[in-house]
């Protein structure tokens, strides 16, 4: 898993925890940020996967 994808997913979890533990004092901003970071992290994970190619297929 690429380092950028891991960082984005960790930030999404931290933002989700902030949104849950502040009990709505900050509005919906942390939850929206968590959703956006999670989606971007998944995209980074999918794009960062390396496809191993074996040129000697038998």
PDB file of N, CA and C in Angstrom:
ATOM      1  N   UNK A   1       0.857  -1.173   0.000  1.00  0.00           N
ATOM      2  CA  UNK A   1       0.000   0.000   0.000  1.00  0.00           C
ATOM      3  C   UNK A   1       0.901   1.233   0.000  1.00  0.00           C
ATOM      4  N   UNK A   2       0.632   2.161  -0.905  1.00  0.00           N
ATOM      5  CA  UNK A   2       1.461   3.369  -0.980  1.00  0.00           C
ATOM      6  C   UNK A   2       1.374   4.202   0.306  1.00  0.00           C
ATOM      7  N   UNK A   3       2.458   4.908   0.591  1.00  0.00           N
ATOM      8  CA  UNK A   3       2.520   5.722   1.804  1.00  0.00           C
ATOM      9  C   UNK A   3       1.489   6.843   1.794  1.00  0.00           C
ATOM     10  N   UNK A   4       1.220   7.401   0.628  1.00  0.00           N
ATOM     11  CA  UNK A   4       0.234   8.478   0.537  1.00  0.00           C
ATOM     12  C   UNK A   4      -1.154   7.955   0.885  1.00  0.00           C
ATOM     13  N   UNK A   5      -1.467   6.767   0.393  1.00  0.00           N
ATOM     14  CA  UNK A   5      -2.777   6.183   0.680  1.00  0.00           C
ATOM     15  C   UNK A   5      -2.924   5.890   2.171  1.00  0.00           C
ATOM     16  N   UNK A   6      -1.881   5.398   2.790  1.00  0.00           N
ATOM     17  CA  UNK A   6      -1.925   5.132   4.229  1.00  0.00           C
ATOM     18  C   UNK A   6      -2.121   6.427   5.001  1.00  0.00           C
ATOM     19  N   UNK A   7      -1.403   7.460   4.612  1.00  0.00           N
ATOM     20  CA  UNK A   7      -1.535   8.755   5.283  1.00  0.00           C
ATOM     21  C   UNK A   7      -2.936   9.330   5.150  1.00  0.00           C
ATOM     22  N   UNK A   8      -3.508   9.228   3.959  1.00  0.00           N
ATOM     23  CA  UNK A   8      -4.860   9.744   3.755  1.00  0.00           C
ATOM     24  C   UNK A   8      -5.891   8.959   4.566  1.00  0.00           C
ATOM     25  N   UNK A   9      -5.726   7.641   4.625  1.00  0.00           N
ATOM     26  CA  UNK A   9      -6.677   6.841   5.390  1.00  0.00           C
ATOM     27  C   UNK A   9      -6.549   7.089   6.891  1.00  0.00           C
ATOM     28  N   UNK A  10      -5.327   7.324   7.368  1.00  0.00           N
ATOM     29  CA  UNK A  10      -5.134   7.660   8.782  1.00  0.00           C
ATOM     30  C   UNK A  10      -5.752   9.015   9.090  1.00  0.00           C
ATOM     31  N   UNK A  11      -5.565   9.991   8.189  1.00  0.00           N
ATOM     32  CA  UNK A  11      -6.189  11.304   8.401  1.00  0.00           C
ATOM     33  C   UNK A  11      -7.710  11.204   8.373  1.00  0.00           C
ATOM     34  N   UNK A  12      -8.246  10.306   7.536  1.00  0.00           N
ATOM     35  CA  UNK A  12      -9.693  10.108   7.506  1.00  0.00           C
ATOM     36  C   UNK A  12     -10.182   9.548   8.836  1.00  0.00           C
ATOM     37  N   UNK A  13      -9.453   8.598   9.399  1.00  0.00           N
ATOM     38  CA  UNK A  13      -9.839   8.040  10.700  1.00  0.00           C
ATOM     39  C   UNK A  13      -9.754   9.081  11.813  1.00  0.00           C
ATOM     40  N   UNK A  14      -8.712   9.915  11.778  1.00  0.00           N
ATOM     41  CA  UNK A  14      -8.583  10.965  12.787  1.00  0.00           C
ATOM     42  C   UNK A  14      -9.695  12.006  12.655  1.00  0.00           C
ATOM     43  N   UNK A  15     -10.052  12.341  11.433  1.00  0.00           N
ATOM     44  CA  UNK A  15     -11.128  13.293  11.213  1.00  0.00           C
ATOM     45  C   UNK A  15     -12.468  12.708  11.661  1.00  0.00           C
ATOM     46  N   UNK A  16     -12.664  11.425  11.407  1.00  0.00           N
ATOM     47  CA  UNK A  16     -13.882  10.759  11.861  1.00  0.00           C
ATOM     48  C   UNK A  16     -13.960  10.736  13.386  1.00  0.00           C
ATOM     49  N   UNK A  17     -12.831  10.465  14.038  1.00  0.00           N
ATOM     50  CA  UNK A  17     -12.806  10.477  15.499  1.00  0.00           C
ATOM     51  C   UNK A  17     -13.085  11.877  16.042  1.00  0.00           C
ATOM     52  N   UNK A  18     -12.552  12.891  15.385  1.00  0.00           N
ATOM     53  CA  UNK A  18     -12.814  14.268  15.796  1.00  0.00           C
ATOM     54  C   UNK A  18     -14.294  14.594  15.669  1.00  0.00           C
ATOM     55  N   UNK A  19     -14.903  14.162  14.583  1.00  0.00           N
ATOM     56  CA  UNK A  19     -16.324  14.421  14.382  1.00  0.00           C
ATOM     57  C   UNK A  19     -17.209  13.697  15.384  1.00  0.00           C
ATOM     58  N   UNK A  20     -16.806  12.489  15.769  1.00  0.00           N
ATOM     59  CA  UNK A  20     -17.601  11.715  16.723  1.00  0.00           C
ATOM     60  C   UNK A  20     -17.444  12.253  18.141  1.00  0.00           C
ATOM     61  N   UNK A  21     -16.218  12.579  18.534  1.00  0.00           N
ATOM     62  CA  UNK A  21     -15.976  12.962  19.925  1.00  0.00           C
ATOM     63  C   UNK A  21     -16.300  14.418  20.244  1.00  0.00           C
ATOM     64  N   UNK A  22     -16.460  15.268  19.238  1.00  0.00           N
ATOM     65  CA  UNK A  22     -16.845  16.653  19.528  1.00  0.00           C
ATOM     66  C   UNK A  22     -18.366  16.811  19.577  1.00  0.00           C
ATOM     67  N   UNK A  23     -19.079  15.771  19.236  1.00  0.00           N
ATOM     68  CA  UNK A  23     -20.539  15.716  19.345  1.00  0.00           C
ATOM     69  C   UNK A  23     -21.230  16.868  18.633  1.00  0.00           C
ATOM     70  N   UNK A  24     -20.799  17.164  17.431  1.00  0.00           N
ATOM     71  CA  UNK A  24     -21.491  18.144  16.610  1.00  0.00           C
ATOM     72  C   UNK A  24     -21.151  19.593  16.878  1.00  0.00           C
ATOM     73  N   UNK A  25     -20.174  19.876  17.714  1.00  0.00           N
ATOM     74  CA  UNK A  25     -19.818  21.261  17.990  1.00  0.00           C
ATOM     75  C   UNK A  25     -19.187  21.930  16.776  1.00  0.00           C
ATOM     76  N   UNK A  26     -18.553  21.153  15.936  1.00  0.00           N
ATOM     77  CA  UNK A  26     -17.915  21.704  14.739  1.00  0.00           C
ATOM     78  C   UNK A  26     -18.788  21.571  13.505  1.00  0.00           C
ATOM     79  N   UNK A  27     -19.994  21.113  13.683  1.00  0.00           N
ATOM     80  CA  UNK A  27     -20.890  20.908  12.550  1.00  0.00           C
ATOM     81  C   UNK A  27     -20.562  19.607  11.845  1.00  0.00           C
ATOM     82  N   UNK A  28     -20.812  19.596  10.560  1.00  0.00           N
ATOM     83  CA  UNK A  28     -20.574  18.382   9.780  1.00  0.00           C
ATOM     84  C   UNK A  28     -19.222  18.394   9.085  1.00  0.00           C
ATOM     85  N   UNK A  29     -18.419  19.399   9.309  1.00  0.00           N
ATOM     86  CA  UNK A  29     -17.145  19.543   8.602  1.00  0.00           C
ATOM     87  C   UNK A  29     -16.198  18.354   8.804  1.00  0.00           C
ATOM     88  N   UNK A  30     -15.989  17.859  10.044  1.00  0.00           N
ATOM     89  CA  UNK A  30     -15.080  16.719  10.192  1.00  0.00           C
ATOM     90  C   UNK A  30     -15.592  15.449   9.504  1.00  0.00           C
ATOM     91  N   UNK A  31     -16.896  15.246   9.489  1.00  0.00           N
ATOM     92  CA  UNK A  31     -17.437  14.050   8.852  1.00  0.00           C
ATOM     93  C   UNK A  31     -17.327  14.139   7.333  1.00  0.00           C
ATOM     94  N   UNK A  32     -17.540  15.333   6.793  1.00  0.00           N
ATOM     95  CA  UNK A  32     -17.379  15.525   5.349  1.00  0.00           C
ATOM     96  C   UNK A  32     -15.913  15.355   4.972  1.00  0.00           C
ATOM     97  N   UNK A  33     -15.019  15.908   5.783  1.00  0.00           N
ATOM     98  CA  UNK A  33     -13.585  15.765   5.518  1.00  0.00           C
ATOM     99  C   UNK A  33     -13.169  14.299   5.596  1.00  0.00           C
ATOM    100  N   UNK A  34     -13.719  13.555   6.547  1.00  0.00           N
ATOM    101  CA  UNK A  34     -13.398  12.134   6.662  1.00  0.00           C
ATOM    102  C   UNK A  34     -13.856  11.374   5.425  1.00  0.00           C
ATOM    103  N   UNK A  35     -15.040  11.688   4.933  1.00  0.00           N
ATOM    104  CA  UNK A  35     -15.543  11.005   3.736  1.00  0.00           C
ATOM    105  C   UNK A  35     -14.684  11.316   2.517  1.00  0.00           C
ATOM    106  N   UNK A  36     -14.316  12.594   2.351  1.00  0.00           N
ATOM    107  CA  UNK A  36     -13.494  12.986   1.204  1.00  0.00           C
ATOM    108  C   UNK A  36     -12.112  12.348   1.293  1.00  0.00           C
ATOM    109  N   UNK A  37     -11.502  12.383   2.470  1.00  0.00           N
ATOM    110  CA  UNK A  37     -10.177  11.786   2.641  1.00  0.00           C
ATOM    111  C   UNK A  37     -10.205  10.281   2.414  1.00  0.00           C
ATOM    112  N   UNK A  38     -11.282   9.627   2.843  1.00  0.00           N
ATOM    113  CA  UNK A  38     -11.398   8.190   2.653  1.00  0.00           C
ATOM    114  C   UNK A  38     -11.508   7.846   1.165  1.00  0.00           C
ATOM    115  N   UNK A  39     -12.318   8.604   0.435  1.00  0.00           N
ATOM    116  CA  UNK A  39     -12.476   8.349  -0.997  1.00  0.00           C
ATOM    117  C   UNK A  39     -11.172   8.606  -1.745  1.00  0.00           C
ATOM    118  N   UNK A  40     -10.500   9.707  -1.410  1.00  0.00           N
ATOM    119  CA  UNK A  40      -9.228  10.021  -2.062  1.00  0.00           C
ATOM    120  C   UNK A  40      -8.165   8.980  -1.691  1.00  0.00           C
ATOM    121  N   UNK A  41      -8.192   8.500  -0.447  1.00  0.00           N
ATOM    122  CA  UNK A  41      -7.256   7.452  -0.033  1.00  0.00           C
ATOM    123  C   UNK A  41      -7.482   6.151  -0.783  1.00  0.00           C
ATOM    124  N   UNK A  42      -8.743   5.794  -1.004  1.00  0.00           N
ATOM    125  CA  UNK A  42      -9.027   4.588  -1.774  1.00  0.00           C
ATOM    126  C   UNK A  42      -8.586   4.737  -3.224  1.00  0.00           C
ATOM    127  N   UNK A  43      -8.789   5.914  -3.789  1.00  0.00           N
ATOM    128  CA  UNK A  43      -8.342   6.153  -5.166  1.00  0.00           C
ATOM    129  C   UNK A  43      -6.818   6.069  -5.247  1.00  0.00           C
ATOM    130  N   UNK A  44      -6.132   6.644  -4.262  1.00  0.00           N
ATOM    131  CA  UNK A  44      -4.664   6.583  -4.239  1.00  0.00           C
ATOM    132  C   UNK A  44      -4.183   5.154  -4.075  1.00  0.00           C
ATOM    133  N   UNK A  45      -4.912   4.360  -3.296  1.00  0.00           N
ATOM    134  CA  UNK A  45      -4.537   2.965  -3.097  1.00  0.00           C
ATOM    135  C   UNK A  45      -4.701   2.172  -4.389  1.00  0.00           C
ATOM    136  N   UNK A  46      -5.814   2.396  -5.088  1.00  0.00           N
ATOM    137  CA  UNK A  46      -6.063   1.664  -6.330  1.00  0.00           C
ATOM    138  C   UNK A  46      -5.059   2.077  -7.402  1.00  0.00           C
ATOM    139  N   UNK A  47      -4.789   3.367  -7.529  1.00  0.00           N
ATOM    140  CA  UNK A  47      -3.843   3.831  -8.541  1.00  0.00           C
ATOM    141  C   UNK A  47      -2.401   3.465  -8.196  1.00  0.00           C
ATOM    142  N   UNK A  48      -2.108   3.294  -6.933  1.00  0.00           N
ATOM    143  CA  UNK A  48      -0.744   3.004  -6.508  1.00  0.00           C
ATOM    144  C   UNK A  48      -0.378   1.539  -6.534  1.00  0.00           C
ATOM    145  N   UNK A  49      -1.360   0.676  -6.789  1.00  0.00           N
ATOM    146  CA  UNK A  49      -1.044  -0.749  -6.842  1.00  0.00           C
ATOM    147  C   UNK A  49      -0.165  -1.033  -8.045  1.00  0.00           C
ATOM    148  N   UNK A  50       0.770  -1.874  -7.822  1.00  0.00           N
ATOM    149  CA  UNK A  50       1.670  -2.240  -8.906  1.00  0.00           C
ATOM    150  C   UNK A  50       1.222  -3.588  -9.467  1.00  0.00           C
ATOM    151  N   UNK A  51       1.067  -3.626 -10.774  1.00  0.00           N
ATOM    152  CA  UNK A  51       0.716  -4.877 -11.431  1.00  0.00           C
ATOM    153  C   UNK A  51       2.015  -5.533 -11.873  1.00  0.00           C
ATOM    154  N   UNK A  52       2.262  -6.729 -11.347  1.00  0.00           N
ATOM    155  CA  UNK A  52       3.484  -7.431 -11.698  1.00  0.00           C
ATOM    156  C   UNK A  52       3.280  -8.132 -13.032  1.00  0.00           C
ATOM    157  N   UNK A  53       4.198  -7.870 -13.942  1.00  0.00           N
ATOM    158  CA  UNK A  53       4.095  -8.431 -15.274  1.00  0.00           C
ATOM    159  C   UNK A  53       5.235  -9.409 -15.466  1.00  0.00           C
ATOM    160  N   UNK A  54       4.895 -10.621 -15.846  1.00  0.00           N
ATOM    161  CA  UNK A  54       5.891 -11.637 -16.114  1.00  0.00           C
ATOM    162  C   UNK A  54       6.029 -11.777 -17.626  1.00  0.00           C
ATOM    163  N   UNK A  55       7.144 -11.339 -18.215  1.00  0.00           N
ATOM    164  CA  UNK A  55       7.256 -11.389 -19.668  1.00  0.00           C
ATOM    165  C   UNK A  55       7.414 -12.811 -20.216  1.00  0.00           C
ATOM    166  N   UNK A  56       7.721 -13.779 -19.362  1.00  0.00           N
ATOM    167  CA  UNK A  56       7.921 -15.151 -19.821  1.00  0.00           C
ATOM    168  C   UNK A  56       6.715 -16.010 -19.463  1.00  0.00           C
ATOM    169  N   UNK A  57       5.580 -15.664 -20.022  1.00  0.00           N
ATOM    170  CA  UNK A  57       4.383 -16.461 -19.792  1.00  0.00           C
ATOM    171  C   UNK A  57       4.508 -17.767 -20.578  1.00  0.00           C
ATOM    172  N   UNK A  58       4.207 -18.866 -19.904  1.00  0.00           N
ATOM    173  CA  UNK A  58       4.335 -20.171 -20.567  1.00  0.00           C
ATOM    174  C   UNK A  58       3.002 -20.838 -20.689  1.00  0.00           C
TER     175      UNK A  58
END
